[in-house]
Amino acid sequence: MADFASPFPKSPRKIFTPNPIVMALAQVQFPTILAISGESPVAFQELVRQKFPIFRERQGMTFQSGQPLLTPVSQLGIRVYDFALPDGTLTLSLAQDFLSVQTSQYETWNVFRPYLELGIRALIDVYKPSFISRVGLRYQNLIVRSKLGLEGVAWKELLNPTITAELHDEDIGPHVLERFSNLTLKLNNNNERLTINHGLVIGENNEQSYLIDADFYSGQTVEPDHAIQSFELLKRHSGRFFRWSISRALADGMEPRLLE
């Protein structure tokens, strides 16, 4: 695949062990289709049921195009249909203006992508959206030092100083107890953006950890059949960003394996 414009430097693609991704979510938004909320999605379920046999219906939030992924506007009682794997680790959700796939046990893009493709294809075949108004790909990475054998290693040794300035200060850094920041970047000239929420959090066993919540999205209108190509571009940005945001010491602690 040809190179593309990105503010983050090109770097070898890697798989990390343990995987720091604790949540991955892909979402497409489209103009409201009342038929989705007006009747049970029987035909849609038939197309995805072999992969997603578990079904449930719930009341959900609505979303505003152009805002960060999963930014609620109001509680409107919108129907959301969830189709899940038997073990509940991955869910395909359908509502009158969006479709999403979310997992708490992300492996690789090549494993995640077929579920997303299945959902988008079923959406196109059954409901025929006129266009996709927004594509979003979100990863939440949680760095837990004890799981990496890095207990006692200062955060300034593990993270890029560009986004963690205070933690790299010789005097202040060791005393920082709480820190959380928000930043939105333009990725290129095609209306692709990245919103980063990151900082220190208290995780399991009351351990101080670092959360990197990266939301990549494009508000450029695309044909439904081209949505996956948009996700591929966002995925390339996401890999470059994460590898840029961590230090060599942290990358080595996650036992990187080059991805062919």
Protein backbone atom coordinates (compact mmCIF):
# COMPACT_ATOMS: atom_id res chain seq x y z
CA MET A 1 0.00 0.00 0.00
CA ALA A 2 1.33 3.43 -0.92
CA ASP A 3 2.43 5.80 1.79
CA PHE A 4 -0.02 8.45 3.00
CA ALA A 5 0.09 11.81 4.76
CA SER A 6 0.26 11.56 8.55
CA PRO A 7 1.67 13.80 11.30
CA PHE A 8 3.18 10.72 12.94
CA PRO A 9 6.39 9.17 11.59
CA LYS A 10 6.39 5.93 9.69
CA SER A 11 7.47 2.99 11.85
CA PRO A 12 7.41 -0.81 11.62
CA ARG A 13 4.02 -2.34 12.43
CA LYS A 14 4.14 -4.44 15.59
CA ILE A 15 2.02 -6.69 17.77
CA PHE A 16 2.50 -6.16 21.50
CA THR A 17 2.19 -8.78 24.23
CA PRO A 18 0.36 -8.28 26.48
CA ASN A 19 -1.95 -6.25 24.26
CA PRO A 20 -2.45 -2.81 25.87
CA ILE A 21 -5.81 -2.28 24.09
CA VAL A 22 -8.62 -2.68 26.63
CA MET A 23 -11.38 -1.44 24.30
CA ALA A 24 -11.69 -1.04 20.54
CA LEU A 25 -14.70 0.45 18.80
CA ALA A 26 -15.46 1.12 15.13
CA GLN A 27 -18.54 3.12 14.13
CA VAL A 28 -20.23 4.41 11.01
CA GLN A 29 -22.93 7.09 11.09
CA PHE A 30 -25.50 7.67 8.38
CA PRO A 31 -28.70 9.70 7.79
CA THR A 32 -31.53 8.47 9.99
CA ILE A 33 -33.35 5.40 8.68
CA LEU A 34 -36.65 5.16 10.54
CA ALA A 35 -37.23 1.59 9.38
CA ILE A 36 -34.43 0.46 11.69
CA SER A 37 -36.17 1.71 14.84
CA GLY A 38 -39.68 1.18 13.49
CA GLU A 39 -39.56 -2.60 13.29
CA SER A 40 -37.49 -5.53 14.47
CA PRO A 41 -34.34 -6.06 12.36
CA VAL A 42 -35.28 -9.57 11.25
CA ALA A 43 -33.60 -9.49 7.84
CA PHE A 44 -30.47 -7.89 9.29
CA GLN A 45 -30.23 -10.54 12.00
CA GLU A 46 -30.44 -13.33 9.44
CA LEU A 47 -27.35 -11.97 7.73
CA VAL A 48 -25.24 -11.75 10.91
CA ARG A 49 -26.77 -14.44 13.13
CA GLN A 50 -24.21 -17.14 12.38
CA LYS A 51 -21.41 -14.96 13.75
CA PHE A 52 -23.50 -13.02 16.28
CA PRO A 53 -26.09 -15.43 17.75
CA ILE A 54 -26.89 -13.44 20.90
CA PHE A 55 -29.52 -10.70 20.50
CA ARG A 56 -30.82 -8.02 22.83
CA GLU A 57 -32.62 -4.70 22.48
CA ARG A 58 -31.96 -1.61 24.60
CA GLN A 59 -32.57 2.12 24.77
CA GLY A 60 -29.56 4.16 23.70
CA MET A 61 -28.16 7.60 23.04
CA THR A 62 -28.18 9.56 19.83
CA PHE A 63 -25.03 11.09 18.37
CA GLN A 64 -24.16 14.27 16.55
CA SER A 65 -22.09 14.06 13.37
CA GLY A 66 -18.81 15.92 13.57
CA GLN A 67 -18.43 15.48 17.32
CA PRO A 68 -15.97 13.09 18.99
CA LEU A 69 -17.03 9.47 18.85
CA LEU A 70 -19.64 8.49 21.41
CA THR A 71 -20.45 12.07 22.38
CA PRO A 72 -24.10 11.90 23.56
CA VAL A 73 -26.45 14.70 22.58
CA SER A 74 -29.59 13.73 24.43
CA GLN A 75 -31.46 10.72 25.75
CA LEU A 76 -34.15 10.17 23.15
CA GLY A 77 -35.12 6.57 23.79
CA ILE A 78 -33.57 5.47 20.51
CA ARG A 79 -33.72 1.72 20.01
CA VAL A 80 -30.36 -0.01 19.79
CA TYR A 81 -30.09 -3.63 18.69
CA ASP A 82 -27.08 -5.57 19.94
CA PHE A 83 -25.81 -8.74 18.29
CA ALA A 84 -23.05 -10.42 20.30
CA LEU A 85 -20.64 -13.32 20.20
CA PRO A 86 -21.53 -16.22 22.55
CA ASP A 87 -18.84 -15.18 25.05
CA GLY A 88 -19.95 -11.53 25.00
CA THR A 89 -16.49 -10.18 24.15
CA LEU A 90 -17.55 -8.56 20.88
CA THR A 91 -20.81 -6.78 20.05
CA LEU A 92 -22.30 -5.45 16.82
CA SER A 93 -24.79 -2.63 17.52
CA LEU A 94 -27.36 -1.19 15.12
CA ALA A 95 -29.48 1.95 15.58
CA GLN A 96 -31.39 4.24 13.25
CA ASP A 97 -28.34 6.41 12.58
CA PHE A 98 -25.27 4.33 13.39
CA LEU A 99 -23.68 0.90 13.32
CA SER A 100 -20.77 -0.03 15.58
CA VAL A 101 -18.58 -2.97 16.53
CA GLN A 102 -16.97 -3.01 19.97
CA THR A 103 -14.72 -5.49 21.73
CA SER A 104 -13.00 -5.78 25.09
CA GLN A 105 -10.58 -8.44 23.82
CA TYR A 106 -8.95 -6.93 20.76
CA GLU A 107 -6.35 -9.11 19.05
CA THR A 108 -5.39 -7.63 15.69
CA TRP A 109 -7.06 -5.56 12.98
CA ASN A 110 -7.14 -8.62 10.75
CA VAL A 111 -9.25 -10.42 13.35
CA PHE A 112 -11.49 -7.42 14.11
CA ARG A 113 -12.08 -6.23 10.55
CA PRO A 114 -14.19 -9.19 9.26
CA TYR A 115 -16.81 -8.58 11.98
CA LEU A 116 -16.98 -4.92 10.96
CA GLU A 117 -17.24 -5.84 7.28
CA LEU A 118 -20.06 -8.28 8.02
CA GLY A 119 -22.06 -5.60 9.84
CA ILE A 120 -21.54 -2.95 7.16
CA ARG A 121 -22.45 -5.38 4.37
CA ALA A 122 -25.65 -6.37 6.19
CA LEU A 123 -26.50 -2.68 6.71
CA ILE A 124 -26.06 -2.00 3.00
CA ASP A 125 -27.98 -5.08 1.85
CA VAL A 126 -30.98 -4.55 4.13
CA TYR A 127 -31.29 -0.79 4.68
CA LYS A 128 -29.32 0.75 1.79
CA PRO A 129 -28.07 3.96 3.48
CA SER A 130 -27.62 6.82 1.01
CA PHE A 131 -24.13 7.58 2.30
CA ILE A 132 -21.89 7.34 5.35
CA SER A 133 -21.58 10.70 7.09
CA ARG A 134 -18.91 9.75 9.61
CA VAL A 135 -16.40 6.97 10.22
CA GLY A 136 -14.77 6.55 13.62
CA LEU A 137 -12.17 4.18 15.07
CA ARG A 138 -11.38 4.37 18.77
CA TYR A 139 -8.75 2.55 20.84
CA GLN A 140 -8.31 2.71 24.59
CA ASN A 141 -4.80 1.61 25.60
CA LEU A 142 -4.03 1.05 29.28
CA ILE A 143 -0.40 0.87 30.35
CA VAL A 144 -0.03 -1.15 33.57
CA ARG A 145 3.60 -1.28 34.63
CA SER A 146 3.28 -4.32 36.88
CA LYS A 147 2.06 -6.44 33.94
CA LEU A 148 5.16 -5.53 31.98
CA GLY A 149 7.79 -6.02 34.65
CA LEU A 150 8.34 -2.27 34.75
CA GLU A 151 7.42 -1.53 38.36
CA GLY A 152 9.37 1.44 39.64
CA VAL A 153 10.22 2.74 36.17
CA ALA A 154 9.24 6.43 35.95
CA TRP A 155 6.57 7.41 33.44
CA LYS A 156 9.03 9.82 31.82
CA GLU A 157 11.04 6.76 30.74
CA LEU A 158 8.01 5.16 29.11
CA LEU A 159 6.12 7.90 27.28
CA ASN A 160 6.79 10.53 24.64
CA PRO A 161 7.66 13.83 26.36
CA THR A 162 5.65 15.75 23.75
CA ILE A 163 2.35 14.65 25.31
CA THR A 164 3.47 14.14 28.92
CA ALA A 165 5.49 17.27 29.63
CA GLU A 166 4.93 17.50 33.39
CA LEU A 167 5.91 13.89 33.93
CA HIS A 168 9.29 14.59 32.35
CA ASP A 169 10.10 17.47 34.66
CA GLU A 170 12.90 16.42 37.01
CA ASP A 171 11.40 18.24 39.99
CA ILE A 172 7.65 17.94 39.47
CA GLY A 173 7.36 14.63 37.65
CA PRO A 174 7.93 12.25 40.60
CA HIS A 175 5.23 14.06 42.60
CA VAL A 176 2.40 14.05 40.05
CA LEU A 177 -0.55 12.05 41.37
CA GLU A 178 -3.21 12.95 38.84
CA ARG A 179 -2.91 14.19 35.27
CA PHE A 180 -5.36 14.10 32.35
CA SER A 181 -5.24 15.96 29.05
CA ASN A 182 -7.33 16.42 25.91
CA LEU A 183 -5.99 17.22 22.47
CA THR A 184 -7.50 17.25 18.96
CA LEU A 185 -5.28 17.06 15.88
CA LYS A 186 -5.86 17.40 12.15
CA LEU A 187 -4.48 14.27 10.53
CA ASN A 188 -4.51 15.47 6.92
CA ASN A 189 -6.52 17.67 4.58
CA ASN A 190 -9.36 15.18 4.13
CA ASN A 191 -11.29 16.08 7.30
CA GLU A 192 -9.65 13.30 9.32
CA ARG A 193 -9.14 14.10 13.00
CA LEU A 194 -7.73 12.57 16.16
CA THR A 195 -9.00 13.38 19.64
CA ILE A 196 -6.71 12.11 22.41
CA ASN A 197 -7.76 11.83 26.04
CA HIS A 198 -4.84 10.59 28.09
CA GLY A 199 -3.42 10.63 31.57
CA LEU A 200 -2.86 8.90 34.88
CA VAL A 201 -5.66 6.71 36.21
CA ILE A 202 -6.01 4.30 39.11
CA GLY A 203 -6.51 0.80 37.78
CA GLU A 204 -6.94 -2.63 39.28
CA ASN A 205 -5.22 -3.34 42.59
CA ASN A 206 -5.14 0.43 43.16
CA GLU A 207 -2.17 0.70 40.79
CA GLN A 208 -1.37 3.95 39.02
CA SER A 209 -1.66 3.31 35.29
CA TYR A 210 -1.65 5.40 32.12
CA LEU A 211 -4.65 5.57 29.78
CA ILE A 212 -4.29 6.59 26.14
CA ASP A 213 -7.78 6.96 24.66
CA ALA A 214 -7.40 7.74 20.95
CA ASP A 215 -10.45 8.52 18.79
CA PHE A 216 -9.73 8.68 15.04
CA TYR A 217 -12.59 9.92 12.87
CA SER A 218 -13.48 11.33 9.48
CA GLY A 219 -16.49 13.52 8.73
CA GLN A 220 -15.98 13.24 5.00
CA THR A 221 -19.04 11.78 3.28
CA VAL A 222 -18.29 8.43 1.62
CA GLU A 223 -20.22 5.83 -0.31
CA PRO A 224 -21.27 2.92 1.95
CA ASP A 225 -19.18 0.50 -0.11
CA HIS A 226 -16.09 2.62 0.60
CA ALA A 227 -16.44 2.74 4.39
CA ILE A 228 -13.93 -0.04 4.97
CA GLN A 229 -11.27 1.84 2.99
CA SER A 230 -11.83 4.82 5.30
CA PHE A 231 -11.33 2.55 8.31
CA GLU A 232 -8.09 1.25 6.80
CA LEU A 233 -6.68 4.78 6.63
CA LEU A 234 -7.70 5.52 10.22
CA LYS A 235 -6.13 2.24 11.33
CA ARG A 236 -2.82 3.24 9.75
CA HIS A 237 -2.91 6.55 11.61
CA SER A 238 -3.71 4.73 14.87
CA GLY A 239 -0.73 2.40 14.64
CA ARG A 240 1.68 5.22 13.91
CA PHE A 241 0.26 7.32 16.74
CA PHE A 242 0.59 4.65 19.42
CA ARG A 243 4.12 3.69 18.43
CA TRP A 244 5.02 7.41 18.47
CA SER A 245 3.45 7.96 21.90
CA ILE A 246 5.53 5.35 23.73
CA SER A 247 9.27 5.04 24.38
CA ARG A 248 11.59 2.28 23.24
CA ALA A 249 11.73 1.00 26.84
CA LEU A 250 7.94 0.61 26.99
CA ALA A 251 7.77 -0.96 23.54
CA ASP A 252 10.43 -3.50 24.53
CA GLY A 253 8.52 -4.24 27.75
CA MET A 254 5.52 -5.29 25.66
CA GLU A 255 7.59 -7.87 23.76
CA PRO A 256 6.94 -6.48 20.27
CA ARG A 257 6.62 -8.79 17.29
CA LEU A 258 6.86 -7.38 13.79
CA LEU A 259 3.62 -7.65 11.84
CA GLU A 260 4.08 -8.77 8.25
